Amino acid sequence: MTRTTEALMHGGPAPAIADARAALGYLADRASSVDAASDYERVLLTLDTYTADASPSASEDAELEDPRAAIAAARRALLAAEGGPITALQIEVLLVMLDDAVAGDLG
């Protein structure tokens, strides 16, 4: 069971935020262009702004095998992060930003 799944079951947003950060970092590192990497980094920076936390993620989620798995992991983690320092509206903004980054990266 991943930490994101545990967060969904137990309501804890901190592990989900760590998983979201890890997935976004993975996507930025493996983006198809500098512009796409910047778009993923922008999502990550916005998440850090919302949570007031720019600390590195300690997450090593095994789901991060390819970009599509990382995108799915980021979406799940962002949805699981609601309730702590992040509001539902902020989650929606992050998901729209992620969709835009994915469109710019994978078409």
PDB file of N, CA and C in Angstrom:
ATOM      1  N   MET A   1       0.848  -1.172   0.000  1.00  0.00           N
ATOM      2  CA  MET A   1       0.000   0.000   0.000  1.00  0.00           C
ATOM      3  C   MET A   1       0.896   1.237   0.000  1.00  0.00           C
ATOM      4  N   THR A   2       0.639   2.176  -0.888  1.00  0.00           N
ATOM      5  CA  THR A   2       1.448   3.388  -0.953  1.00  0.00           C
ATOM      6  C   THR A   2       1.024   4.363   0.125  1.00  0.00           C
ATOM      7  N   ARG A   3       1.874   5.336   0.404  1.00  0.00           N
ATOM      8  CA  ARG A   3       1.521   6.353   1.387  1.00  0.00           C
ATOM      9  C   ARG A   3       0.314   7.154   0.948  1.00  0.00           C
ATOM     10  N   THR A   4       0.138   7.388  -0.371  1.00  0.00           N
ATOM     11  CA  THR A   4      -1.035   8.116  -0.844  1.00  0.00           C
ATOM     12  C   THR A   4      -2.300   7.342  -0.516  1.00  0.00           C
ATOM     13  N   THR A   5      -2.291   6.037  -0.714  1.00  0.00           N
ATOM     14  CA  THR A   5      -3.445   5.212  -0.377  1.00  0.00           C
ATOM     15  C   THR A   5      -3.701   5.269   1.125  1.00  0.00           C
ATOM     16  N   GLU A   6      -2.642   5.211   1.922  1.00  0.00           N
ATOM     17  CA  GLU A   6      -2.798   5.324   3.369  1.00  0.00           C
ATOM     18  C   GLU A   6      -3.385   6.678   3.750  1.00  0.00           C
ATOM     19  N   ALA A   7      -2.941   7.748   3.081  1.00  0.00           N
ATOM     20  CA  ALA A   7      -3.469   9.079   3.369  1.00  0.00           C
ATOM     21  C   ALA A   7      -4.956   9.146   3.057  1.00  0.00           C
ATOM     22  N   LEU A   8      -5.361   8.517   1.969  1.00  0.00           N
ATOM     23  CA  LEU A   8      -6.780   8.490   1.635  1.00  0.00           C
ATOM     24  C   LEU A   8      -7.568   7.737   2.702  1.00  0.00           C
ATOM     25  N   MET A   9      -6.996   6.662   3.215  1.00  0.00           N
ATOM     26  CA  MET A   9      -7.689   5.856   4.205  1.00  0.00           C
ATOM     27  C   MET A   9      -7.702   6.519   5.577  1.00  0.00           C
ATOM     28  N   HIS A  10      -6.628   7.194   5.930  1.00  0.00           N
ATOM     29  CA  HIS A  10      -6.487   7.744   7.270  1.00  0.00           C
ATOM     30  C   HIS A  10      -6.629   9.257   7.320  1.00  0.00           C
ATOM     31  N   GLY A  11      -6.834   9.915   6.202  1.00  0.00           N
ATOM     32  CA  GLY A  11      -7.089  11.345   6.186  1.00  0.00           C
ATOM     33  C   GLY A  11      -5.888  12.230   6.411  1.00  0.00           C
ATOM     34  N   GLY A  12      -4.704  11.705   6.331  1.00  0.00           N
ATOM     35  CA  GLY A  12      -3.520  12.522   6.568  1.00  0.00           C
ATOM     36  C   GLY A  12      -2.978  13.122   5.288  1.00  0.00           C
ATOM     37  N   PRO A  13      -2.922  14.444   5.185  1.00  0.00           N
ATOM     38  CA  PRO A  13      -2.452  15.058   3.952  1.00  0.00           C
ATOM     39  C   PRO A  13      -0.930  15.086   3.794  1.00  0.00           C
ATOM     40  N   ALA A  14      -0.153  15.004   4.865  1.00  0.00           N
ATOM     41  CA  ALA A  14       1.301  15.153   4.750  1.00  0.00           C
ATOM     42  C   ALA A  14       1.942  14.099   3.844  1.00  0.00           C
ATOM     43  N   PRO A  15       1.624  12.814   4.000  1.00  0.00           N
ATOM     44  CA  PRO A  15       2.220  11.833   3.077  1.00  0.00           C
ATOM     45  C   PRO A  15       1.779  12.064   1.632  1.00  0.00           C
ATOM     46  N   ALA A  16       0.558  12.498   1.439  1.00  0.00           N
ATOM     47  CA  ALA A  16       0.070  12.761   0.086  1.00  0.00           C
ATOM     48  C   ALA A  16       0.818  13.938  -0.535  1.00  0.00           C
ATOM     49  N   ILE A  17       1.092  14.957   0.252  1.00  0.00           N
ATOM     50  CA  ILE A  17       1.849  16.109  -0.260  1.00  0.00           C
ATOM     51  C   ILE A  17       3.256  15.669  -0.654  1.00  0.00           C
ATOM     52  N   ALA A  18       3.874  14.830   0.161  1.00  0.00           N
ATOM     53  CA  ALA A  18       5.213  14.311  -0.169  1.00  0.00           C
ATOM     54  C   ALA A  18       5.175  13.510  -1.464  1.00  0.00           C
ATOM     55  N   ASP A  19       4.126  12.693  -1.633  1.00  0.00           N
ATOM     56  CA  ASP A  19       4.001  11.903  -2.859  1.00  0.00           C
ATOM     57  C   ASP A  19       3.767  12.798  -4.075  1.00  0.00           C
ATOM     58  N   ALA A  20       2.961  13.837  -3.917  1.00  0.00           N
ATOM     59  CA  ALA A  20       2.718  14.776  -5.021  1.00  0.00           C
ATOM     60  C   ALA A  20       4.020  15.463  -5.413  1.00  0.00           C
ATOM     61  N   ARG A  21       4.793  15.882  -4.430  1.00  0.00           N
ATOM     62  CA  ARG A  21       6.070  16.549  -4.709  1.00  0.00           C
ATOM     63  C   ARG A  21       7.012  15.612  -5.451  1.00  0.00           C
ATOM     64  N   ALA A  22       7.051  14.342  -5.017  1.00  0.00           N
ATOM     65  CA  ALA A  22       7.928  13.371  -5.667  1.00  0.00           C
ATOM     66  C   ALA A  22       7.514  13.139  -7.120  1.00  0.00           C
ATOM     67  N   ALA A  23       6.220  12.990  -7.359  1.00  0.00           N
ATOM     68  CA  ALA A  23       5.733  12.755  -8.723  1.00  0.00           C
ATOM     69  C   ALA A  23       5.985  13.964  -9.614  1.00  0.00           C
ATOM     70  N   LEU A  24       5.753  15.160  -9.096  1.00  0.00           N
ATOM     71  CA  LEU A  24       5.997  16.371  -9.891  1.00  0.00           C
ATOM     72  C   LEU A  24       7.483  16.536 -10.193  1.00  0.00           C
ATOM     73  N   GLY A  25       8.328  16.237  -9.228  1.00  0.00           N
ATOM     74  CA  GLY A  25       9.772  16.297  -9.464  1.00  0.00           C
ATOM     75  C   GLY A  25      10.209  15.297 -10.513  1.00  0.00           C
ATOM     76  N   TYR A  26       9.661  14.097 -10.432  1.00  0.00           N
ATOM     77  CA  TYR A  26       9.945  13.062 -11.437  1.00  0.00           C
ATOM     78  C   TYR A  26       9.566  13.565 -12.828  1.00  0.00           C
ATOM     79  N   LEU A  27       8.371  14.127 -12.945  1.00  0.00           N
ATOM     80  CA  LEU A  27       7.907  14.623 -14.245  1.00  0.00           C
ATOM     81  C   LEU A  27       8.785  15.757 -14.761  1.00  0.00           C
ATOM     82  N   ALA A  28       9.168  16.666 -13.886  1.00  0.00           N
ATOM     83  CA  ALA A  28      10.030  17.779 -14.303  1.00  0.00           C
ATOM     84  C   ALA A  28      11.384  17.269 -14.780  1.00  0.00           C
ATOM     85  N   ASP A  29      11.927  16.283 -14.085  1.00  0.00           N
ATOM     86  CA  ASP A  29      13.237  15.734 -14.452  1.00  0.00           C
ATOM     87  C   ASP A  29      13.213  14.993 -15.781  1.00  0.00           C
ATOM     88  N   ARG A  30      12.063  14.471 -16.162  1.00  0.00           N
ATOM     89  CA  ARG A  30      11.970  13.650 -17.373  1.00  0.00           C
ATOM     90  C   ARG A  30      11.113  14.282 -18.465  1.00  0.00           C
ATOM     91  N   ALA A  31      10.870  15.562 -18.351  1.00  0.00           N
ATOM     92  CA  ALA A  31      10.043  16.263 -19.340  1.00  0.00           C
ATOM     93  C   ALA A  31      10.714  16.271 -20.708  1.00  0.00           C
ATOM     94  N   SER A  32       9.881  16.422 -21.733  1.00  0.00           N
ATOM     95  CA  SER A  32      10.370  16.365 -23.109  1.00  0.00           C
ATOM     96  C   SER A  32      11.079  17.639 -23.562  1.00  0.00           C
ATOM     97  N   SER A  33      10.913  18.716 -22.821  1.00  0.00           N
ATOM     98  CA  SER A  33      11.556  19.987 -23.185  1.00  0.00           C
ATOM     99  C   SER A  33      11.764  20.833 -21.933  1.00  0.00           C
ATOM    100  N   VAL A  34      12.544  21.870 -22.089  1.00  0.00           N
ATOM    101  CA  VAL A  34      12.775  22.797 -20.980  1.00  0.00           C
ATOM    102  C   VAL A  34      11.470  23.488 -20.594  1.00  0.00           C
ATOM    103  N   ASP A  35      10.661  23.843 -21.575  1.00  0.00           N
ATOM    104  CA  ASP A  35       9.380  24.490 -21.289  1.00  0.00           C
ATOM    105  C   ASP A  35       8.461  23.563 -20.500  1.00  0.00           C
ATOM    106  N   ALA A  36       8.407  22.297 -20.879  1.00  0.00           N
ATOM    107  CA  ALA A  36       7.570  21.336 -20.166  1.00  0.00           C
ATOM    108  C   ALA A  36       8.076  21.143 -18.734  1.00  0.00           C
ATOM    109  N   ALA A  37       9.387  21.057 -18.575  1.00  0.00           N
ATOM    110  CA  ALA A  37       9.960  20.926 -17.233  1.00  0.00           C
ATOM    111  C   ALA A  37       9.599  22.135 -16.383  1.00  0.00           C
ATOM    112  N   SER A  38       9.649  23.314 -16.979  1.00  0.00           N
ATOM    113  CA  SER A  38       9.286  24.534 -16.255  1.00  0.00           C
ATOM    114  C   SER A  38       7.825  24.520 -15.831  1.00  0.00           C
ATOM    115  N   ASP A  39       6.968  23.976 -16.673  1.00  0.00           N
ATOM    116  CA  ASP A  39       5.548  23.889 -16.328  1.00  0.00           C
ATOM    117  C   ASP A  39       5.326  22.977 -15.119  1.00  0.00           C
ATOM    118  N   TYR A  40       6.014  21.832 -15.082  1.00  0.00           N
ATOM    119  CA  TYR A  40       5.897  20.951 -13.918  1.00  0.00           C
ATOM    120  C   TYR A  40       6.478  21.611 -12.668  1.00  0.00           C
ATOM    121  N   GLU A  41       7.597  22.301 -12.831  1.00  0.00           N
ATOM    122  CA  GLU A  41       8.204  23.012 -11.702  1.00  0.00           C
ATOM    123  C   GLU A  41       7.266  24.093 -11.178  1.00  0.00           C
ATOM    124  N   ARG A  42       6.531  24.729 -12.071  1.00  0.00           N
ATOM    125  CA  ARG A  42       5.571  25.754 -11.669  1.00  0.00           C
ATOM    126  C   ARG A  42       4.466  25.147 -10.794  1.00  0.00           C
ATOM    127  N   VAL A  43       4.015  23.949 -11.143  1.00  0.00           N
ATOM    128  CA  VAL A  43       3.019  23.261 -10.322  1.00  0.00           C
ATOM    129  C   VAL A  43       3.622  22.958  -8.941  1.00  0.00           C
ATOM    130  N   LEU A  44       4.843  22.482  -8.936  1.00  0.00           N
ATOM    131  CA  LEU A  44       5.519  22.157  -7.681  1.00  0.00           C
ATOM    132  C   LEU A  44       5.712  23.404  -6.817  1.00  0.00           C
ATOM    133  N   LEU A  45       6.128  24.502  -7.421  1.00  0.00           N
ATOM    134  CA  LEU A  45       6.307  25.743  -6.662  1.00  0.00           C
ATOM    135  C   LEU A  45       4.985  26.257  -6.110  1.00  0.00           C
ATOM    136  N   THR A  46       3.916  26.107  -6.878  1.00  0.00           N
ATOM    137  CA  THR A  46       2.599  26.521  -6.392  1.00  0.00           C
ATOM    138  C   THR A  46       2.177  25.653  -5.217  1.00  0.00           C
ATOM    139  N   LEU A  47       2.414  24.346  -5.305  1.00  0.00           N
ATOM    140  CA  LEU A  47       2.129  23.455  -4.182  1.00  0.00           C
ATOM    141  C   LEU A  47       2.917  23.889  -2.955  1.00  0.00           C
ATOM    142  N   ASP A  48       4.192  24.196  -3.136  1.00  0.00           N
ATOM    143  CA  ASP A  48       5.023  24.652  -2.022  1.00  0.00           C
ATOM    144  C   ASP A  48       4.492  25.948  -1.425  1.00  0.00           C
ATOM    145  N   THR A  49       4.005  26.843  -2.269  1.00  0.00           N
ATOM    146  CA  THR A  49       3.430  28.095  -1.787  1.00  0.00           C
ATOM    147  C   THR A  49       2.174  27.830  -0.970  1.00  0.00           C
ATOM    148  N   TYR A  50       1.319  26.963  -1.463  1.00  0.00           N
ATOM    149  CA  TYR A  50       0.085  26.641  -0.749  1.00  0.00           C
ATOM    150  C   TYR A  50       0.353  25.981   0.597  1.00  0.00           C
ATOM    151  N   THR A  51       1.364  25.148   0.660  1.00  0.00           N
ATOM    152  CA  THR A  51       1.654  24.426   1.899  1.00  0.00           C
ATOM    153  C   THR A  51       2.658  25.151   2.774  1.00  0.00           C
ATOM    154  N   ALA A  52       3.269  26.221   2.259  1.00  0.00           N
ATOM    155  CA  ALA A  52       4.321  26.960   2.968  1.00  0.00           C
ATOM    156  C   ALA A  52       5.466  26.024   3.335  1.00  0.00           C
ATOM    157  N   ASP A  53       5.755  25.082   2.434  1.00  0.00           N
ATOM    158  CA  ASP A  53       6.798  24.090   2.697  1.00  0.00           C
ATOM    159  C   ASP A  53       7.548  23.802   1.410  1.00  0.00           C
ATOM    160  N   ALA A  54       8.817  24.125   1.392  1.00  0.00           N
ATOM    161  CA  ALA A  54       9.646  23.847   0.222  1.00  0.00           C
ATOM    162  C   ALA A  54      10.682  22.771   0.527  1.00  0.00           C
ATOM    163  N   SER A  55      10.430  21.981   1.565  1.00  0.00           N
ATOM    164  CA  SER A  55      11.396  20.945   1.916  1.00  0.00           C
ATOM    165  C   SER A  55      11.362  19.814   0.898  1.00  0.00           C
ATOM    166  N   PRO A  56      12.480  19.152   0.687  1.00  0.00           N
ATOM    167  CA  PRO A  56      12.510  18.062  -0.290  1.00  0.00           C
ATOM    168  C   PRO A  56      11.603  16.922   0.137  1.00  0.00           C
ATOM    169  N   SER A  57      11.096  16.225  -0.829  1.00  0.00           N
ATOM    170  CA  SER A  57      10.236  15.088  -0.555  1.00  0.00           C
ATOM    171  C   SER A  57      11.076  13.885  -0.179  1.00  0.00           C
ATOM    172  N   ALA A  58      10.607  13.139   0.788  1.00  0.00           N
ATOM    173  CA  ALA A  58      11.272  11.902   1.172  1.00  0.00           C
ATOM    174  C   ALA A  58      10.597  10.704   0.528  1.00  0.00           C
ATOM    175  N   SER A  59       9.670  10.971  -0.371  1.00  0.00           N
ATOM    176  CA  SER A  59       8.889   9.904  -0.979  1.00  0.00           C
ATOM    177  C   SER A  59       9.703   9.165  -2.023  1.00  0.00           C
ATOM    178  N   GLU A  60       9.573   7.855  -2.014  1.00  0.00           N
ATOM    179  CA  GLU A  60      10.165   7.014  -3.048  1.00  0.00           C
ATOM    180  C   GLU A  60       9.099   6.045  -3.513  1.00  0.00           C
ATOM    181  N   ASP A  61       8.068   6.577  -4.096  1.00  0.00           N
ATOM    182  CA  ASP A  61       6.917   5.778  -4.483  1.00  0.00           C
ATOM    183  C   ASP A  61       7.262   4.901  -5.677  1.00  0.00           C
ATOM    184  N   ALA A  62       7.011   3.619  -5.554  1.00  0.00           N
ATOM    185  CA  ALA A  62       7.342   2.653  -6.598  1.00  0.00           C
ATOM    186  C   ALA A  62       6.514   2.845  -7.862  1.00  0.00           C
ATOM    187  N   GLU A  63       5.451   3.635  -7.780  1.00  0.00           N
ATOM    188  CA  GLU A  63       4.597   3.853  -8.945  1.00  0.00           C
ATOM    189  C   GLU A  63       5.270   4.725 -10.007  1.00  0.00           C
ATOM    190  N   LEU A  64       6.353   5.354  -9.684  1.00  0.00           N
ATOM    191  CA  LEU A  64       6.981   6.295 -10.596  1.00  0.00           C
ATOM    192  C   LEU A  64       7.884   5.558 -11.572  1.00  0.00           C
ATOM    193  N   GLU A  65       7.263   4.782 -12.434  1.00  0.00           N
ATOM    194  CA  GLU A  65       7.995   3.983 -13.404  1.00  0.00           C
ATOM    195  C   GLU A  65       8.066   4.641 -14.769  1.00  0.00           C
ATOM    196  N   ASP A  66       7.111   5.476 -15.071  1.00  0.00           N
ATOM    197  CA  ASP A  66       7.067   6.174 -16.348  1.00  0.00           C
ATOM    198  C   ASP A  66       6.224   7.424 -16.175  1.00  0.00           C
ATOM    199  N   PRO A  67       6.272   8.348 -17.141  1.00  0.00           N
ATOM    200  CA  PRO A  67       5.534   9.603 -16.995  1.00  0.00           C
ATOM    201  C   PRO A  67       4.038   9.425 -16.765  1.00  0.00           C
ATOM    202  N   ARG A  68       3.409   8.507 -17.463  1.00  0.00           N
ATOM    203  CA  ARG A  68       1.952   8.339 -17.287  1.00  0.00           C
ATOM    204  C   ARG A  68       1.609   7.839 -15.879  1.00  0.00           C
ATOM    205  N   ALA A  69       2.417   6.952 -15.337  1.00  0.00           N
ATOM    206  CA  ALA A  69       2.203   6.497 -13.961  1.00  0.00           C
ATOM    207  C   ALA A  69       2.445   7.638 -12.975  1.00  0.00           C
ATOM    208  N   ALA A  70       3.454   8.475 -13.251  1.00  0.00           N
ATOM    209  CA  ALA A  70       3.744   9.613 -12.379  1.00  0.00           C
ATOM    210  C   ALA A  70       2.619  10.640 -12.427  1.00  0.00           C
ATOM    211  N   ILE A  71       2.028  10.843 -13.598  1.00  0.00           N
ATOM    212  CA  ILE A  71       0.897  11.769 -13.722  1.00  0.00           C
ATOM    213  C   ILE A  71      -0.270  11.262 -12.878  1.00  0.00           C
ATOM    214  N   ALA A  72      -0.568   9.986 -12.999  1.00  0.00           N
ATOM    215  CA  ALA A  72      -1.660   9.397 -12.211  1.00  0.00           C
ATOM    216  C   ALA A  72      -1.360   9.500 -10.713  1.00  0.00           C
ATOM    217  N   ALA A  73      -0.114   9.234 -10.323  1.00  0.00           N
ATOM    218  CA  ALA A  73       0.275   9.322  -8.919  1.00  0.00           C
ATOM    219  C   ALA A  73       0.150  10.755  -8.407  1.00  0.00           C
ATOM    220  N   ALA A  74       0.543  11.723  -9.229  1.00  0.00           N
ATOM    221  CA  ALA A  74       0.435  13.133  -8.828  1.00  0.00           C
ATOM    222  C   ALA A  74      -1.022  13.517  -8.625  1.00  0.00           C
ATOM    223  N   ARG A  75      -1.892  13.105  -9.538  1.00  0.00           N
ATOM    224  CA  ARG A  75      -3.328  13.414  -9.401  1.00  0.00           C
ATOM    225  C   ARG A  75      -3.906  12.810  -8.125  1.00  0.00           C
ATOM    226  N   ARG A  76      -3.624  11.524  -7.892  1.00  0.00           N
ATOM    227  CA  ARG A  76      -4.136  10.860  -6.681  1.00  0.00           C
ATOM    228  C   ARG A  76      -3.623  11.553  -5.427  1.00  0.00           C
ATOM    229  N   ALA A  77      -2.333  11.879  -5.426  1.00  0.00           N
ATOM    230  CA  ALA A  77      -1.737  12.501  -4.251  1.00  0.00           C
ATOM    231  C   ALA A  77      -2.318  13.891  -4.001  1.00  0.00           C
ATOM    232  N   LEU A  78      -2.510  14.667  -5.057  1.00  0.00           N
ATOM    233  CA  LEU A  78      -3.091  15.994  -4.874  1.00  0.00           C
ATOM    234  C   LEU A  78      -4.508  15.896  -4.321  1.00  0.00           C
ATOM    235  N   LEU A  79      -5.286  14.969  -4.824  1.00  0.00           N
ATOM    236  CA  LEU A  79      -6.650  14.792  -4.322  1.00  0.00           C
ATOM    237  C   LEU A  79      -6.642  14.345  -2.857  1.00  0.00           C
ATOM    238  N   ALA A  80      -5.674  13.524  -2.487  1.00  0.00           N
ATOM    239  CA  ALA A  80      -5.576  13.035  -1.111  1.00  0.00           C
ATOM    240  C   ALA A  80      -5.057  14.104  -0.149  1.00  0.00           C
ATOM    241  N   ALA A  81      -4.439  15.158  -0.677  1.00  0.00           N
ATOM    242  CA  ALA A  81      -3.832  16.189   0.163  1.00  0.00           C
ATOM    243  C   ALA A  81      -4.833  17.211   0.679  1.00  0.00           C
ATOM    244  N   GLU A  82      -6.028  17.197   0.175  1.00  0.00           N
ATOM    245  CA  GLU A  82      -7.029  18.178   0.596  1.00  0.00           C
ATOM    246  C   GLU A  82      -7.331  18.027   2.085  1.00  0.00           C
ATOM    247  N   GLY A  83      -7.500  19.161   2.710  1.00  0.00           N
ATOM    248  CA  GLY A  83      -7.900  19.143   4.105  1.00  0.00           C
ATOM    249  C   GLY A  83      -6.835  19.635   5.053  1.00  0.00           C
ATOM    250  N   GLY A  84      -5.606  19.439   4.746  1.00  0.00           N
ATOM    251  CA  GLY A  84      -4.543  19.958   5.598  1.00  0.00           C
ATOM    252  C   GLY A  84      -4.356  21.436   5.293  1.00  0.00           C
ATOM    253  N   PRO A  85      -3.177  21.792   4.832  1.00  0.00           N
ATOM    254  CA  PRO A  85      -2.943  23.195   4.508  1.00  0.00           C
ATOM    255  C   PRO A  85      -3.499  23.596   3.134  1.00  0.00           C
ATOM    256  N   ILE A  86      -4.070  22.654   2.404  1.00  0.00           N
ATOM    257  CA  ILE A  86      -4.526  22.929   1.042  1.00  0.00           C
ATOM    258  C   ILE A  86      -6.047  22.822   0.964  1.00  0.00           C
ATOM    259  N   THR A  87      -6.676  23.833   0.379  1.00  0.00           N
ATOM    260  CA  THR A  87      -8.129  23.838   0.229  1.00  0.00           C
ATOM    261  C   THR A  87      -8.539  23.122  -1.058  1.00  0.00           C
ATOM    262  N   ALA A  88      -9.824  22.834  -1.162  1.00  0.00           N
ATOM    263  CA  ALA A  88     -10.353  22.184  -2.365  1.00  0.00           C
ATOM    264  C   ALA A  88     -10.119  23.059  -3.596  1.00  0.00           C
ATOM    265  N   LEU A  89     -10.271  24.358  -3.468  1.00  0.00           N
ATOM    266  CA  LEU A  89     -10.037  25.260  -4.600  1.00  0.00           C
ATOM    267  C   LEU A  89      -8.571  25.221  -5.028  1.00  0.00           C
ATOM    268  N   GLN A  90      -7.666  25.199  -4.078  1.00  0.00           N
ATOM    269  CA  GLN A  90      -6.249  25.124  -4.409  1.00  0.00           C
ATOM    270  C   GLN A  90      -5.910  23.801  -5.096  1.00  0.00           C
ATOM    271  N   ILE A  91      -6.539  22.728  -4.667  1.00  0.00           N
ATOM    272  CA  ILE A  91      -6.338  21.433  -5.324  1.00  0.00           C
ATOM    273  C   ILE A  91      -6.793  21.522  -6.779  1.00  0.00           C
ATOM    274  N   GLU A  92      -7.941  22.139  -7.014  1.00  0.00           N
ATOM    275  CA  GLU A  92      -8.444  22.288  -8.384  1.00  0.00           C
ATOM    276  C   GLU A  92      -7.478  23.104  -9.236  1.00  0.00           C
ATOM    277  N   VAL A  93      -6.930  24.166  -8.683  1.00  0.00           N
ATOM    278  CA  VAL A  93      -5.950  24.980  -9.413  1.00  0.00           C
ATOM    279  C   VAL A  93      -4.729  24.141  -9.765  1.00  0.00           C
ATOM    280  N   LEU A  94      -4.231  23.368  -8.811  1.00  0.00           N
ATOM    281  CA  LEU A  94      -3.070  22.511  -9.058  1.00  0.00           C
ATOM    282  C   LEU A  94      -3.361  21.467 -10.127  1.00  0.00           C
ATOM    283  N   LEU A  95      -4.556  20.893 -10.110  1.00  0.00           N
ATOM    284  CA  LEU A  95      -4.916  19.889 -11.113  1.00  0.00           C
ATOM    285  C   LEU A  95      -5.012  20.499 -12.509  1.00  0.00           C
ATOM    286  N   VAL A  96      -5.544  21.714 -12.611  1.00  0.00           N
ATOM    287  CA  VAL A  96      -5.599  22.398 -13.912  1.00  0.00           C
ATOM    288  C   VAL A  96      -4.187  22.706 -14.398  1.00  0.00           C
ATOM    289  N   MET A  97      -3.335  23.172 -13.490  1.00  0.00           N
ATOM    290  CA  MET A  97      -1.943  23.444 -13.857  1.00  0.00           C
ATOM    291  C   MET A  97      -1.246  22.168 -14.315  1.00  0.00           C
ATOM    292  N   LEU A  98      -1.501  21.058 -13.626  1.00  0.00           N
ATOM    293  CA  LEU A  98      -0.911  19.780 -14.013  1.00  0.00           C
ATOM    294  C   LEU A  98      -1.407  19.359 -15.392  1.00  0.00           C
ATOM    295  N   ASP A  99      -2.701  19.500 -15.643  1.00  0.00           N
ATOM    296  CA  ASP A  99      -3.247  19.165 -16.977  1.00  0.00           C
ATOM    297  C   ASP A  99      -2.586  19.987 -18.067  1.00  0.00           C
ATOM    298  N   ASP A 100      -2.371  21.277 -17.802  1.00  0.00           N
ATOM    299  CA  ASP A 100      -1.702  22.139 -18.789  1.00  0.00           C
ATOM    300  C   ASP A 100      -0.255  21.700 -19.013  1.00  0.00           C
ATOM    301  N   ALA A 101       0.430  21.343 -17.931  1.00  0.00           N
ATOM    302  CA  ALA A 101       1.815  20.894 -18.059  1.00  0.00           C
ATOM    303  C   ALA A 101       1.895  19.599 -18.856  1.00  0.00           C
ATOM    304  N   VAL A 102       0.975  18.678 -18.600  1.00  0.00           N
ATOM    305  CA  VAL A 102       0.941  17.410 -19.321  1.00  0.00           C
ATOM    306  C   VAL A 102       0.664  17.650 -20.796  1.00  0.00           C
ATOM    307  N   ALA A 103      -0.274  18.548 -21.091  1.00  0.00           N
ATOM    308  CA  ALA A 103      -0.593  18.848 -22.498  1.00  0.00           C
ATOM    309  C   ALA A 103       0.632  19.413 -23.224  1.00  0.00           C
ATOM    310  N   GLY A 104       1.406  20.246 -22.543  1.00  0.00           N
ATOM    311  CA  GLY A 104       2.599  20.801 -23.136  1.00  0.00           C
ATOM    312  C   GLY A 104       3.741  19.802 -23.263  1.00  0.00           C
ATOM    313  N   ASP A 105       3.703  18.776 -22.444  1.00  0.00           N
ATOM    314  CA  ASP A 105       4.766  17.777 -22.434  1.00  0.00           C
ATOM    315  C   ASP A 105       4.451  16.587 -23.360  1.00  0.00           C
ATOM    316  N   LEU A 106       3.297  16.014 -23.165  1.00  0.00           N
ATOM    317  CA  LEU A 106       2.948  14.779 -23.893  1.00  0.00           C
ATOM    318  C   LEU A 106       1.955  14.992 -25.024  1.00  0.00           C
ATOM    319  N   GLY A 107       1.476  16.205 -25.150  1.00  0.00           N
ATOM    320  CA  GLY A 107       0.569  16.537 -26.241  1.00  0.00           C
ATOM    321  C   GLY A 107      -0.803  16.169 -26.079  1.00  0.00           C
TER     322      GLY A 107
END
